Each structure stands twice: as C-alpha cells, then as structure tokens.
PDB file of all heavy atoms in Angstrom:
ATOM      1  N   LEU A   1     211.610 -83.409 140.288  1.00  0.00           N
ATOM      2  CA  LEU A   1     211.775 -83.285 141.766  1.00  0.00           C
ATOM      3  C   LEU A   1     210.569 -82.501 142.409  1.00  0.00           C
ATOM      4  O   LEU A   1     210.069 -81.525 141.723  1.00  0.00           O
ATOM      5  CB  LEU A   1     213.121 -82.534 142.025  1.00  0.00           C
ATOM      6  CG  LEU A   1     214.386 -83.193 141.564  1.00  0.00           C
ATOM      7  CD1 LEU A   1     215.542 -82.282 141.881  1.00  0.00           C
ATOM      8  CD2 LEU A   1     214.558 -84.550 142.225  1.00  0.00           C
ATOM      9  N   GLU A   2     210.213 -82.855 143.519  1.00  0.00           N
ATOM     10  CA  GLU A   2     209.112 -82.156 144.279  1.00  0.00           C
ATOM     11  C   GLU A   2     209.752 -80.938 144.885  1.00  0.00           C
ATOM     12  O   GLU A   2     210.828 -81.020 145.544  1.00  0.00           O
ATOM     13  CB  GLU A   2     208.504 -83.068 145.336  1.00  0.00           C
ATOM     14  CG  GLU A   2     207.799 -84.202 144.803  1.00  0.00           C
ATOM     15  CD  GLU A   2     206.473 -83.809 144.108  1.00  0.00           C
ATOM     16  OE1 GLU A   2     205.955 -82.739 144.450  1.00  0.00           O
ATOM     17  OE2 GLU A   2     206.052 -84.578 143.143  1.00  0.00           O
ATOM     18  N   VAL A   3     209.095 -79.774 144.711  1.00  0.00           N
ATOM     19  CA  VAL A   3     209.646 -78.527 145.211  1.00  0.00           C
ATOM     20  C   VAL A   3     209.941 -78.579 146.715  1.00  0.00           C
ATOM     21  O   VAL A   3     211.059 -78.112 147.201  1.00  0.00           O
ATOM     22  CB  VAL A   3     208.654 -77.337 144.925  1.00  0.00           C
ATOM     23  CG1 VAL A   3     207.357 -77.517 145.651  1.00  0.00           C
ATOM     24  CG2 VAL A   3     209.387 -76.084 145.225  1.00  0.00           C
ATOM     25  N   ASP A   4     209.149 -79.295 147.520  1.00  0.00           N
ATOM     26  CA  ASP A   4     209.391 -79.313 148.948  1.00  0.00           C
ATOM     27  C   ASP A   4     210.452 -80.342 149.334  1.00  0.00           C
ATOM     28  O   ASP A   4     210.872 -80.377 150.528  1.00  0.00           O
ATOM     29  CB  ASP A   4     208.091 -79.730 149.669  1.00  0.00           C
ATOM     30  CG  ASP A   4     207.135 -78.467 149.718  1.00  0.00           C
ATOM     31  OD1 ASP A   4     207.599 -77.379 150.028  1.00  0.00           O
ATOM     32  OD2 ASP A   4     205.916 -78.645 149.516  1.00  0.00           O
ATOM     33  N   GLU A   5     210.945 -81.084 148.308  1.00  0.00           N
ATOM     34  CA  GLU A   5     212.175 -81.919 148.606  1.00  0.00           C
ATOM     35  C   GLU A   5     213.484 -81.216 148.528  1.00  0.00           C
ATOM     36  O   GLU A   5     214.270 -81.451 149.251  1.00  0.00           O
ATOM     37  CB  GLU A   5     212.171 -83.101 147.601  1.00  0.00           C
ATOM     38  CG  GLU A   5     211.011 -84.093 147.866  1.00  0.00           C
ATOM     39  CD  GLU A   5     211.069 -85.291 146.829  1.00  0.00           C
ATOM     40  OE1 GLU A   5     212.000 -85.187 145.994  1.00  0.00           O
ATOM     41  OE2 GLU A   5     210.187 -86.161 146.889  1.00  0.00           O
ATOM     42  N   PHE A   6     213.536 -80.224 147.504  1.00  0.00           N
ATOM     43  CA  PHE A   6     214.857 -79.675 147.285  1.00  0.00           C
ATOM     44  C   PHE A   6     214.967 -78.214 147.707  1.00  0.00           C
ATOM     45  O   PHE A   6     215.972 -77.699 148.088  1.00  0.00           O
ATOM     46  CB  PHE A   6     215.266 -79.784 145.768  1.00  0.00           C
ATOM     47  CG  PHE A   6     214.443 -78.988 144.810  1.00  0.00           C
ATOM     48  CD1 PHE A   6     214.679 -77.647 144.609  1.00  0.00           C
ATOM     49  CD2 PHE A   6     213.310 -79.551 144.207  1.00  0.00           C
ATOM     50  CE1 PHE A   6     213.919 -76.885 143.804  1.00  0.00           C
ATOM     51  CE2 PHE A   6     212.516 -78.823 143.327  1.00  0.00           C
ATOM     52  CZ  PHE A   6     212.826 -77.486 143.091  1.00  0.00           C
ATOM     53  N   ALA A   7     213.798 -77.557 147.637  1.00  0.00           N
ATOM     54  CA  ALA A   7     213.848 -76.087 147.937  1.00  0.00           C
ATOM     55  C   ALA A   7     214.373 -75.683 149.377  1.00  0.00           C
ATOM     56  O   ALA A   7     215.054 -74.669 149.432  1.00  0.00           O
ATOM     57  CB  ALA A   7     212.439 -75.486 147.798  1.00  0.00           C
ATOM     58  N   PRO A   8     214.192 -76.514 150.355  1.00  0.00           N
ATOM     59  CA  PRO A   8     214.733 -76.081 151.668  1.00  0.00           C
ATOM     60  C   PRO A   8     216.300 -75.953 151.685  1.00  0.00           C
ATOM     61  O   PRO A   8     216.862 -75.313 152.540  1.00  0.00           O
ATOM     62  CB  PRO A   8     214.252 -77.247 152.620  1.00  0.00           C
ATOM     63  CG  PRO A   8     212.985 -77.704 151.978  1.00  0.00           C
ATOM     64  CD  PRO A   8     213.205 -77.584 150.511  1.00  0.00           C
ATOM     65  N   ARG A   9     216.937 -76.600 150.671  1.00  0.00           N
ATOM     66  CA  ARG A   9     218.385 -76.606 150.673  1.00  0.00           C
ATOM     67  C   ARG A   9     218.977 -75.589 149.739  1.00  0.00           C
ATOM     68  O   ARG A   9     220.136 -75.371 149.573  1.00  0.00           O
ATOM     69  CB  ARG A   9     218.962 -78.002 150.264  1.00  0.00           C
ATOM     70  CG  ARG A   9     218.534 -79.136 151.183  1.00  0.00           C
ATOM     71  CD  ARG A   9     218.750 -78.756 152.665  1.00  0.00           C
ATOM     72  NE  ARG A   9     220.114 -78.504 153.052  1.00  0.00           N
ATOM     73  CZ  ARG A   9     220.506 -78.042 154.228  1.00  0.00           C
ATOM     74  NH1 ARG A   9     219.583 -77.589 155.064  1.00  0.00           N
ATOM     75  NH2 ARG A   9     221.742 -77.894 154.488  1.00  0.00           N
ATOM     76  N   LEU A  10     218.105 -74.769 149.105  1.00  0.00           N
ATOM     77  CA  LEU A  10     218.557 -73.617 148.264  1.00  0.00           C
ATOM     78  C   LEU A  10     219.000 -72.504 149.176  1.00  0.00           C
ATOM     79  O   LEU A  10     218.338 -72.260 150.176  1.00  0.00           O
ATOM     80  CB  LEU A  10     217.503 -73.182 147.332  1.00  0.00           C
ATOM     81  CG  LEU A  10     217.012 -74.131 146.297  1.00  0.00           C
ATOM     82  CD1 LEU A  10     215.894 -73.532 145.415  1.00  0.00           C
ATOM     83  CD2 LEU A  10     218.063 -74.795 145.448  1.00  0.00           C
ATOM     84  N   SER A  11     220.132 -71.929 148.852  1.00  0.00           N
ATOM     85  CA  SER A  11     220.625 -70.779 149.606  1.00  0.00           C
ATOM     86  C   SER A  11     220.957 -69.628 148.663  1.00  0.00           C
ATOM     87  O   SER A  11     221.076 -69.803 147.412  1.00  0.00           O
ATOM     88  CB  SER A  11     221.795 -71.125 150.429  1.00  0.00           C
ATOM     89  OG  SER A  11     222.914 -71.428 149.702  1.00  0.00           O
ATOM     90  N   PHE A  12     221.081 -68.449 149.265  1.00  0.00           N
ATOM     91  CA  PHE A  12     221.362 -67.226 148.428  1.00  0.00           C
ATOM     92  C   PHE A  12     222.562 -66.500 148.991  1.00  0.00           C
ATOM     93  O   PHE A  12     222.976 -66.680 150.108  1.00  0.00           O
ATOM     94  CB  PHE A  12     220.117 -66.355 148.382  1.00  0.00           C
ATOM     95  CG  PHE A  12     218.992 -66.939 147.540  1.00  0.00           C
ATOM     96  CD1 PHE A  12     218.212 -67.961 148.018  1.00  0.00           C
ATOM     97  CD2 PHE A  12     218.736 -66.437 146.276  1.00  0.00           C
ATOM     98  CE1 PHE A  12     217.185 -68.518 147.281  1.00  0.00           C
ATOM     99  CE2 PHE A  12     217.705 -66.965 145.521  1.00  0.00           C
ATOM    100  CZ  PHE A  12     216.916 -68.024 146.041  1.00  0.00           C
ATOM    101  N   PHE A  13     223.094 -65.605 148.134  1.00  0.00           N
ATOM    102  CA  PHE A  13     224.320 -64.910 148.509  1.00  0.00           C
ATOM    103  C   PHE A  13     224.269 -63.461 147.980  1.00  0.00           C
ATOM    104  O   PHE A  13     224.175 -63.264 146.766  1.00  0.00           O
ATOM    105  CB  PHE A  13     225.485 -65.660 147.821  1.00  0.00           C
ATOM    106  CG  PHE A  13     226.854 -64.987 147.977  1.00  0.00           C
ATOM    107  CD1 PHE A  13     227.199 -64.037 148.854  1.00  0.00           C
ATOM    108  CD2 PHE A  13     227.871 -65.413 147.104  1.00  0.00           C
ATOM    109  CE1 PHE A  13     228.396 -63.503 148.893  1.00  0.00           C
ATOM    110  CE2 PHE A  13     229.158 -64.819 147.112  1.00  0.00           C
ATOM    111  CZ  PHE A  13     229.409 -63.886 148.025  1.00  0.00           C
ATOM    112  N   PHE A  14     224.222 -62.598 148.953  1.00  0.00           N
ATOM    113  CA  PHE A  14     224.000 -61.097 148.542  1.00  0.00           C
ATOM    114  C   PHE A  14     225.201 -60.311 148.870  1.00  0.00           C
ATOM    115  O   PHE A  14     225.998 -60.578 149.792  1.00  0.00           O
ATOM    116  CB  PHE A  14     222.778 -60.547 149.125  1.00  0.00           C
ATOM    117  CG  PHE A  14     221.442 -61.098 148.594  1.00  0.00           C
ATOM    118  CD1 PHE A  14     220.702 -61.989 149.447  1.00  0.00           C
ATOM    119  CD2 PHE A  14     221.051 -60.766 147.338  1.00  0.00           C
ATOM    120  CE1 PHE A  14     219.517 -62.482 148.882  1.00  0.00           C
ATOM    121  CE2 PHE A  14     219.880 -61.310 146.817  1.00  0.00           C
ATOM    122  CZ  PHE A  14     219.064 -62.131 147.619  1.00  0.00           C
ATOM    123  N   ASN A  15     225.311 -59.201 148.133  1.00  0.00           N
ATOM    124  CA  ASN A  15     226.317 -58.171 148.413  1.00  0.00           C
ATOM    125  C   ASN A  15     225.758 -57.197 149.427  1.00  0.00           C
ATOM    126  O   ASN A  15     224.475 -57.040 149.512  1.00  0.00           O
ATOM    127  CB  ASN A  15     226.528 -57.385 147.053  1.00  0.00           C
ATOM    128  CG  ASN A  15     227.760 -56.502 147.055  1.00  0.00           C
ATOM    129  OD1 ASN A  15     227.819 -55.570 147.799  1.00  0.00           O
ATOM    130  ND2 ASN A  15     228.642 -56.771 146.218  1.00  0.00           N
ATOM    131  N   CYS A  16     226.607 -56.531 150.214  1.00  0.00           N
ATOM    132  CA  CYS A  16     226.092 -55.452 151.110  1.00  0.00           C
ATOM    133  C   CYS A  16     226.953 -54.223 150.901  1.00  0.00           C
ATOM    134  O   CYS A  16     228.173 -54.253 151.221  1.00  0.00           O
ATOM    135  CB  CYS A  16     226.127 -55.910 152.565  1.00  0.00           C
ATOM    136  SG  CYS A  16     225.078 -54.878 153.598  1.00  0.00           S
ATOM    137  N   HIS A  17     226.418 -53.221 150.246  1.00  0.00           N
ATOM    138  CA  HIS A  17     227.135 -52.007 149.907  1.00  0.00           C
ATOM    139  C   HIS A  17     226.982 -50.930 150.914  1.00  0.00           C
ATOM    140  O   HIS A  17     226.597 -51.192 152.072  1.00  0.00           O
ATOM    141  CB  HIS A  17     226.599 -51.558 148.511  1.00  0.00           C
ATOM    142  CG  HIS A  17     227.632 -51.023 147.597  1.00  0.00           C
ATOM    143  ND1 HIS A  17     228.353 -49.873 147.891  1.00  0.00           N
ATOM    144  CD2 HIS A  17     228.150 -51.472 146.384  1.00  0.00           C
ATOM    145  CE1 HIS A  17     229.231 -49.551 146.871  1.00  0.00           C
ATOM    146  NE2 HIS A  17     229.096 -50.557 146.025  1.00  0.00           N
ATOM    147  N   ASN A  18     227.309 -49.681 150.539  1.00  0.00           N
ATOM    148  CA  ASN A  18     227.409 -48.614 151.534  1.00  0.00           C
ATOM    149  C   ASN A  18     226.061 -47.998 151.911  1.00  0.00           C
ATOM    150  O   ASN A  18     226.022 -47.440 153.000  1.00  0.00           O
ATOM    151  CB  ASN A  18     228.340 -47.570 150.898  1.00  0.00           C
ATOM    152  CG  ASN A  18     229.826 -47.952 150.908  1.00  0.00           C
ATOM    153  OD1 ASN A  18     230.241 -48.785 151.763  1.00  0.00           O
ATOM    154  ND2 ASN A  18     230.527 -47.377 150.056  1.00  0.00           N
ATOM    155  N   SER A  19     225.083 -47.960 151.099  1.00  0.00           N
ATOM    156  CA  SER A  19     223.814 -47.332 151.387  1.00  0.00           C
ATOM    157  C   SER A  19     223.089 -48.149 152.456  1.00  0.00           C
ATOM    158  O   SER A  19     222.330 -49.118 152.213  1.00  0.00           O
ATOM    159  CB  SER A  19     222.946 -47.210 150.286  1.00  0.00           C
ATOM    160  OG  SER A  19     223.411 -46.083 149.422  1.00  0.00           O
ATOM    161  N   PHE A  20     223.264 -47.759 153.723  1.00  0.00           N
ATOM    162  CA  PHE A  20     222.918 -48.591 154.909  1.00  0.00           C
ATOM    163  C   PHE A  20     221.489 -48.994 154.842  1.00  0.00           C
ATOM    164  O   PHE A  20     221.120 -50.176 154.914  1.00  0.00           O
ATOM    165  CB  PHE A  20     223.204 -47.723 156.139  1.00  0.00           C
ATOM    166  CG  PHE A  20     223.174 -48.423 157.421  1.00  0.00           C
ATOM    167  CD1 PHE A  20     224.145 -49.344 157.859  1.00  0.00           C
ATOM    168  CD2 PHE A  20     222.040 -48.204 158.335  1.00  0.00           C
ATOM    169  CE1 PHE A  20     224.076 -49.923 159.008  1.00  0.00           C
ATOM    170  CE2 PHE A  20     222.023 -48.818 159.528  1.00  0.00           C
ATOM    171  CZ  PHE A  20     223.067 -49.722 159.894  1.00  0.00           C
ATOM    172  N   PHE A  21     220.554 -48.029 154.771  1.00  0.00           N
ATOM    173  CA  PHE A  21     219.094 -48.365 154.807  1.00  0.00           C
ATOM    174  C   PHE A  21     218.654 -49.055 153.600  1.00  0.00           C
ATOM    175  O   PHE A  21     217.737 -49.934 153.630  1.00  0.00           O
ATOM    176  CB  PHE A  21     218.267 -47.125 155.110  1.00  0.00           C
ATOM    177  CG  PHE A  21     218.631 -46.498 156.447  1.00  0.00           C
ATOM    178  CD1 PHE A  21     219.271 -45.317 156.550  1.00  0.00           C
ATOM    179  CD2 PHE A  21     218.284 -47.115 157.636  1.00  0.00           C
ATOM    180  CE1 PHE A  21     219.552 -44.728 157.752  1.00  0.00           C
ATOM    181  CE2 PHE A  21     218.529 -46.631 158.889  1.00  0.00           C
ATOM    182  CZ  PHE A  21     219.201 -45.369 158.953  1.00  0.00           C
ATOM    183  N   GLU A  22     219.174 -48.772 152.405  1.00  0.00           N
ATOM    184  CA  GLU A  22     218.839 -49.475 151.202  1.00  0.00           C
ATOM    185  C   GLU A  22     219.196 -50.943 151.320  1.00  0.00           C
ATOM    186  O   GLU A  22     218.350 -51.798 150.895  1.00  0.00           O
ATOM    187  CB  GLU A  22     219.526 -48.868 149.986  1.00  0.00           C
ATOM    188  CG  GLU A  22     219.254 -49.558 148.671  1.00  0.00           C
ATOM    189  CD  GLU A  22     219.935 -48.895 147.515  1.00  0.00           C
ATOM    190  OE1 GLU A  22     221.243 -48.755 147.544  1.00  0.00           O
ATOM    191  OE2 GLU A  22     219.249 -48.527 146.606  1.00  0.00           O
ATOM    192  N   GLU A  23     220.299 -51.277 151.858  1.00  0.00           N
ATOM    193  CA  GLU A  23     220.758 -52.645 151.906  1.00  0.00           C
ATOM    194  C   GLU A  23     219.818 -53.452 152.919  1.00  0.00           C
ATOM    195  O   GLU A  23     219.484 -54.588 152.642  1.00  0.00           O
ATOM    196  CB  GLU A  23     222.197 -52.761 152.345  1.00  0.00           C
ATOM    197  CG  GLU A  23     223.156 -52.181 151.299  1.00  0.00           C
ATOM    198  CD  GLU A  23     223.115 -52.900 149.977  1.00  0.00           C
ATOM    199  OE1 GLU A  23     223.054 -54.127 149.891  1.00  0.00           O
ATOM    200  OE2 GLU A  23     223.061 -52.169 148.988  1.00  0.00           O
ATOM    201  N   ILE A  24     219.515 -52.880 154.044  1.00  0.00           N
ATOM    202  CA  ILE A  24     218.643 -53.483 154.990  1.00  0.00           C
ATOM    203  C   ILE A  24     217.313 -53.741 154.399  1.00  0.00           C
ATOM    204  O   ILE A  24     216.769 -54.884 154.491  1.00  0.00           O
ATOM    205  CB  ILE A  24     218.528 -52.628 156.258  1.00  0.00           C
ATOM    206  CG1 ILE A  24     219.855 -52.557 156.997  1.00  0.00           C
ATOM    207  CG2 ILE A  24     217.448 -53.256 157.223  1.00  0.00           C
ATOM    208  CD1 ILE A  24     219.920 -51.532 158.076  1.00  0.00           C
ATOM    209  N   ALA A  25     216.736 -52.739 153.699  1.00  0.00           N
ATOM    210  CA  ALA A  25     215.476 -52.876 153.053  1.00  0.00           C
ATOM    211  C   ALA A  25     215.497 -53.978 151.967  1.00  0.00           C
ATOM    212  O   ALA A  25     214.589 -54.694 151.728  1.00  0.00           O
ATOM    213  CB  ALA A  25     215.044 -51.474 152.461  1.00  0.00           C
ATOM    214  N   LYS A  26     216.631 -54.097 151.275  1.00  0.00           N
ATOM    215  CA  LYS A  26     216.764 -55.050 150.150  1.00  0.00           C
ATOM    216  C   LYS A  26     216.676 -56.440 150.777  1.00  0.00           C
ATOM    217  O   LYS A  26     215.934 -57.293 150.202  1.00  0.00           O
ATOM    218  CB  LYS A  26     218.203 -54.882 149.514  1.00  0.00           C
ATOM    219  CG  LYS A  26     218.473 -55.859 148.391  1.00  0.00           C
ATOM    220  CD  LYS A  26     219.906 -55.735 147.898  1.00  0.00           C
ATOM    221  CE  LYS A  26     220.932 -56.260 148.880  1.00  0.00           C
ATOM    222  NZ  LYS A  26     222.321 -56.055 148.404  1.00  0.00           N
ATOM    223  N   PHE A  27     217.340 -56.721 151.896  1.00  0.00           N
ATOM    224  CA  PHE A  27     217.296 -58.028 152.480  1.00  0.00           C
ATOM    225  C   PHE A  27     215.866 -58.438 152.926  1.00  0.00           C
ATOM    226  O   PHE A  27     215.378 -59.495 152.785  1.00  0.00           O
ATOM    227  CB  PHE A  27     218.265 -58.115 153.589  1.00  0.00           C
ATOM    228  CG  PHE A  27     219.738 -57.952 153.221  1.00  0.00           C
ATOM    229  CD1 PHE A  27     220.570 -57.161 154.007  1.00  0.00           C
ATOM    230  CD2 PHE A  27     220.251 -58.545 152.122  1.00  0.00           C
ATOM    231  CE1 PHE A  27     221.911 -56.949 153.640  1.00  0.00           C
ATOM    232  CE2 PHE A  27     221.558 -58.395 151.752  1.00  0.00           C
ATOM    233  CZ  PHE A  27     222.339 -57.575 152.461  1.00  0.00           C
ATOM    234  N   ARG A  28     215.205 -57.387 153.537  1.00  0.00           N
ATOM    235  CA  ARG A  28     213.880 -57.638 153.995  1.00  0.00           C
ATOM    236  C   ARG A  28     212.875 -57.876 152.840  1.00  0.00           C
ATOM    237  O   ARG A  28     211.980 -58.829 152.914  1.00  0.00           O
ATOM    238  CB  ARG A  28     213.304 -56.478 154.904  1.00  0.00           C
ATOM    239  CG  ARG A  28     214.256 -56.245 156.062  1.00  0.00           C
ATOM    240  CD  ARG A  28     213.991 -54.914 156.863  1.00  0.00           C
ATOM    241  NE  ARG A  28     213.002 -55.164 157.838  1.00  0.00           N
ATOM    242  CZ  ARG A  28     211.702 -54.736 157.745  1.00  0.00           C
ATOM    243  NH1 ARG A  28     211.359 -54.004 156.676  1.00  0.00           N
ATOM    244  NH2 ARG A  28     210.834 -54.937 158.715  1.00  0.00           N
ATOM    245  N   ALA A  29     213.043 -57.113 151.780  1.00  0.00           N
ATOM    246  CA  ALA A  29     212.222 -57.273 150.617  1.00  0.00           C
ATOM    247  C   ALA A  29     212.505 -58.737 149.912  1.00  0.00           C
ATOM    248  O   ALA A  29     211.541 -59.312 149.476  1.00  0.00           O
ATOM    249  CB  ALA A  29     212.472 -56.222 149.577  1.00  0.00           C
ATOM    250  N   ALA A  30     213.747 -59.130 149.956  1.00  0.00           N
ATOM    251  CA  ALA A  30     214.130 -60.439 149.393  1.00  0.00           C
ATOM    252  C   ALA A  30     213.335 -61.549 150.048  1.00  0.00           C
ATOM    253  O   ALA A  30     212.822 -62.391 149.360  1.00  0.00           O
ATOM    254  CB  ALA A  30     215.599 -60.660 149.500  1.00  0.00           C
ATOM    255  N   ARG A  31     213.304 -61.526 151.393  1.00  0.00           N
ATOM    256  CA  ARG A  31     212.563 -62.620 152.052  1.00  0.00           C
ATOM    257  C   ARG A  31     211.047 -62.596 151.665  1.00  0.00           C
ATOM    258  O   ARG A  31     210.481 -63.698 151.587  1.00  0.00           O
ATOM    259  CB  ARG A  31     212.778 -62.530 153.547  1.00  0.00           C
ATOM    260  CG  ARG A  31     214.159 -63.004 154.040  1.00  0.00           C
ATOM    261  CD  ARG A  31     214.188 -63.047 155.533  1.00  0.00           C
ATOM    262  NE  ARG A  31     214.127 -61.768 156.192  1.00  0.00           N
ATOM    263  CZ  ARG A  31     215.183 -61.054 156.478  1.00  0.00           C
ATOM    264  NH1 ARG A  31     216.383 -61.476 156.235  1.00  0.00           N
ATOM    265  NH2 ARG A  31     215.096 -59.885 157.104  1.00  0.00           N
ATOM    266  N   ARG A  32     210.512 -61.444 151.650  1.00  0.00           N
ATOM    267  CA  ARG A  32     209.062 -61.315 151.361  1.00  0.00           C
ATOM    268  C   ARG A  32     208.724 -61.777 149.976  1.00  0.00           C
ATOM    269  O   ARG A  32     207.754 -62.543 149.768  1.00  0.00           O
ATOM    270  CB  ARG A  32     208.585 -59.863 151.657  1.00  0.00           C
ATOM    271  CG  ARG A  32     207.122 -59.674 151.737  1.00  0.00           C
ATOM    272  CD  ARG A  32     206.613 -58.494 152.539  1.00  0.00           C
ATOM    273  NE  ARG A  32     206.949 -57.264 151.940  1.00  0.00           N
ATOM    274  CZ  ARG A  32     207.133 -56.101 152.510  1.00  0.00           C
ATOM    275  NH1 ARG A  32     207.024 -56.046 153.844  1.00  0.00           N
ATOM    276  NH2 ARG A  32     207.313 -54.970 151.853  1.00  0.00           N
ATOM    277  N   ILE A  33     209.533 -61.361 149.003  1.00  0.00           N
ATOM    278  CA  ILE A  33     209.241 -61.712 147.606  1.00  0.00           C
ATOM    279  C   ILE A  33     209.401 -63.236 147.486  1.00  0.00           C
ATOM    280  O   ILE A  33     208.502 -63.938 146.900  1.00  0.00           O
ATOM    281  CB  ILE A  33     210.179 -61.073 146.670  1.00  0.00           C
ATOM    282  CG1 ILE A  33     209.919 -59.568 146.589  1.00  0.00           C
ATOM    283  CG2 ILE A  33     210.102 -61.659 145.234  1.00  0.00           C
ATOM    284  CD1 ILE A  33     210.996 -58.801 145.794  1.00  0.00           C
ATOM    285  N   TYR A  34     210.422 -63.809 148.101  1.00  0.00           N
ATOM    286  CA  TYR A  34     210.700 -65.272 147.919  1.00  0.00           C
ATOM    287  C   TYR A  34     209.645 -66.119 148.513  1.00  0.00           C
ATOM    288  O   TYR A  34     209.102 -66.986 147.871  1.00  0.00           O
ATOM    289  CB  TYR A  34     211.988 -65.584 148.623  1.00  0.00           C
ATOM    290  CG  TYR A  34     212.522 -67.009 148.338  1.00  0.00           C
ATOM    291  CD1 TYR A  34     213.065 -67.310 147.082  1.00  0.00           C
ATOM    292  CD2 TYR A  34     212.464 -67.944 149.320  1.00  0.00           C
ATOM    293  CE1 TYR A  34     213.536 -68.585 146.871  1.00  0.00           C
ATOM    294  CE2 TYR A  34     212.912 -69.271 149.105  1.00  0.00           C
ATOM    295  CZ  TYR A  34     213.460 -69.540 147.850  1.00  0.00           C
ATOM    296  OH  TYR A  34     213.911 -70.827 147.574  1.00  0.00           O
ATOM    297  N   ALA A  35     209.117 -65.678 149.708  1.00  0.00           N
ATOM    298  CA  ALA A  35     208.086 -66.484 150.358  1.00  0.00           C
ATOM    299  C   ALA A  35     206.812 -66.442 149.544  1.00  0.00           C
ATOM    300  O   ALA A  35     206.182 -67.525 149.321  1.00  0.00           O
ATOM    301  CB  ALA A  35     207.784 -65.867 151.803  1.00  0.00           C
ATOM    302  N   ARG A  36     206.464 -65.305 148.979  1.00  0.00           N
ATOM    303  CA  ARG A  36     205.222 -65.177 148.263  1.00  0.00           C
ATOM    304  C   ARG A  36     205.244 -65.900 146.909  1.00  0.00           C
ATOM    305  O   ARG A  36     204.308 -66.621 146.529  1.00  0.00           O
ATOM    306  CB  ARG A  36     204.841 -63.732 148.097  1.00  0.00           C
ATOM    307  CG  ARG A  36     204.375 -63.012 149.428  1.00  0.00           C
ATOM    308  CD  ARG A  36     204.178 -61.562 149.237  1.00  0.00           C
ATOM    309  NE  ARG A  36     203.595 -61.030 150.505  1.00  0.00           N
ATOM    310  CZ  ARG A  36     203.467 -59.720 150.767  1.00  0.00           C
ATOM    311  NH1 ARG A  36     203.834 -58.823 149.845  1.00  0.00           N
ATOM    312  NH2 ARG A  36     202.932 -59.326 151.921  1.00  0.00           N
ATOM    313  N   VAL A  37     206.333 -65.744 146.233  1.00  0.00           N
ATOM    314  CA  VAL A  37     206.507 -66.442 144.955  1.00  0.00           C
ATOM    315  C   VAL A  37     206.593 -67.898 145.050  1.00  0.00           C
ATOM    316  O   VAL A  37     205.964 -68.651 144.223  1.00  0.00           O
ATOM    317  CB  VAL A  37     207.761 -65.823 144.152  1.00  0.00           C
ATOM    318  CG1 VAL A  37     207.990 -66.663 142.903  1.00  0.00           C
ATOM    319  CG2 VAL A  37     207.509 -64.423 143.739  1.00  0.00           C
ATOM    320  N   MET A  38     207.358 -68.455 145.976  1.00  0.00           N
ATOM    321  CA  MET A  38     207.471 -69.851 146.274  1.00  0.00           C
ATOM    322  C   MET A  38     206.087 -70.440 146.523  1.00  0.00           C
ATOM    323  O   MET A  38     205.802 -71.549 146.119  1.00  0.00           O
ATOM    324  CB  MET A  38     208.499 -70.179 147.273  1.00  0.00           C
ATOM    325  CG  MET A  38     209.878 -69.860 146.857  1.00  0.00           C
ATOM    326  SD  MET A  38     210.501 -70.857 145.419  1.00  0.00           S
ATOM    327  CE  MET A  38     210.571 -72.510 146.210  1.00  0.00           C
ATOM    328  N   ASP A  39     205.299 -69.712 147.227  1.00  0.00           N
ATOM    329  CA  ASP A  39     203.949 -70.146 147.593  1.00  0.00           C
ATOM    330  C   ASP A  39     203.051 -70.070 146.398  1.00  0.00           C
ATOM    331  O   ASP A  39     202.351 -71.068 146.037  1.00  0.00           O
ATOM    332  CB  ASP A  39     203.423 -69.321 148.726  1.00  0.00           C
ATOM    333  CG  ASP A  39     202.047 -69.688 149.263  1.00  0.00           C
ATOM    334  OD1 ASP A  39     201.496 -70.718 148.723  1.00  0.00           O
ATOM    335  OD2 ASP A  39     201.551 -69.067 150.138  1.00  0.00           O
ATOM    336  N   GLU A  40     202.982 -68.903 145.818  1.00  0.00           N
ATOM    337  CA  GLU A  40     201.950 -68.653 144.795  1.00  0.00           C
ATOM    338  C   GLU A  40     202.247 -69.193 143.440  1.00  0.00           C
ATOM    339  O   GLU A  40     201.361 -69.621 142.649  1.00  0.00           O
ATOM    340  CB  GLU A  40     201.619 -67.120 144.706  1.00  0.00           C
ATOM    341  CG  GLU A  40     201.096 -66.550 146.055  1.00  0.00           C
ATOM    342  CD  GLU A  40     201.102 -65.059 146.016  1.00  0.00           C
ATOM    343  OE1 GLU A  40     201.262 -64.369 144.967  1.00  0.00           O
ATOM    344  OE2 GLU A  40     200.742 -64.422 147.069  1.00  0.00           O
ATOM    345  N   TRP A  41     203.530 -69.131 143.025  1.00  0.00           N
ATOM    346  CA  TRP A  41     203.929 -69.652 141.665  1.00  0.00           C
ATOM    347  C   TRP A  41     204.241 -71.112 141.675  1.00  0.00           C
ATOM    348  O   TRP A  41     204.040 -71.856 140.614  1.00  0.00           O
ATOM    349  CB  TRP A  41     205.098 -68.844 141.117  1.00  0.00           C
ATOM    350  CG  TRP A  41     204.778 -67.382 140.865  1.00  0.00           C
ATOM    351  CD1 TRP A  41     203.685 -66.690 141.251  1.00  0.00           C
ATOM    352  CD2 TRP A  41     205.662 -66.449 140.192  1.00  0.00           C
ATOM    353  NE1 TRP A  41     203.780 -65.383 140.807  1.00  0.00           N
ATOM    354  CE2 TRP A  41     204.993 -65.210 140.183  1.00  0.00           C
ATOM    355  CE3 TRP A  41     206.856 -66.570 139.658  1.00  0.00           C
ATOM    356  CZ2 TRP A  41     205.534 -64.077 139.589  1.00  0.00           C
ATOM    357  CZ3 TRP A  41     207.475 -65.410 139.028  1.00  0.00           C
ATOM    358  CH2 TRP A  41     206.808 -64.192 139.001  1.00  0.00           C
ATOM    359  N   TYR A  42     204.931 -71.605 142.775  1.00  0.00           N
ATOM    360  CA  TYR A  42     205.463 -72.989 142.681  1.00  0.00           C
ATOM    361  C   TYR A  42     204.797 -73.914 143.705  1.00  0.00           C
ATOM    362  O   TYR A  42     205.269 -75.096 143.828  1.00  0.00           O
ATOM    363  CB  TYR A  42     206.975 -72.940 142.897  1.00  0.00           C
ATOM    364  CG  TYR A  42     207.626 -72.064 141.827  1.00  0.00           C
ATOM    365  CD1 TYR A  42     208.252 -70.860 142.202  1.00  0.00           C
ATOM    366  CD2 TYR A  42     207.516 -72.382 140.526  1.00  0.00           C
ATOM    367  CE1 TYR A  42     208.817 -70.011 141.246  1.00  0.00           C
ATOM    368  CE2 TYR A  42     208.111 -71.502 139.529  1.00  0.00           C
ATOM    369  CZ  TYR A  42     208.755 -70.393 139.942  1.00  0.00           C
ATOM    370  OH  TYR A  42     209.293 -69.520 138.997  1.00  0.00           O
TER     371      TYR A  42
END
C-alpha cells in the first residue's frame, strides 16, 4: 500500500490525566513527532 493512500485514515486515541500542562504538552508533542517521522522516515 502507498503511504499516502492509507495514512490519512489512521487515527489515534489518547488518555488525558490530571497533570494539566503535561497533558496539553503531550498532545502538542504528539502532532510534531508524527508529522516529522511520517515525512522523514516514511
């Protein structure tokens, strides 16, 4: 399968715990890592 055929339909599911700023930072870091790895590795 071509990555650009299936990757747009992948989704993710995260927990959101009590440490307010840690959780917000986690979500922002997730998007940044994913964008870079999908570009550079795949």
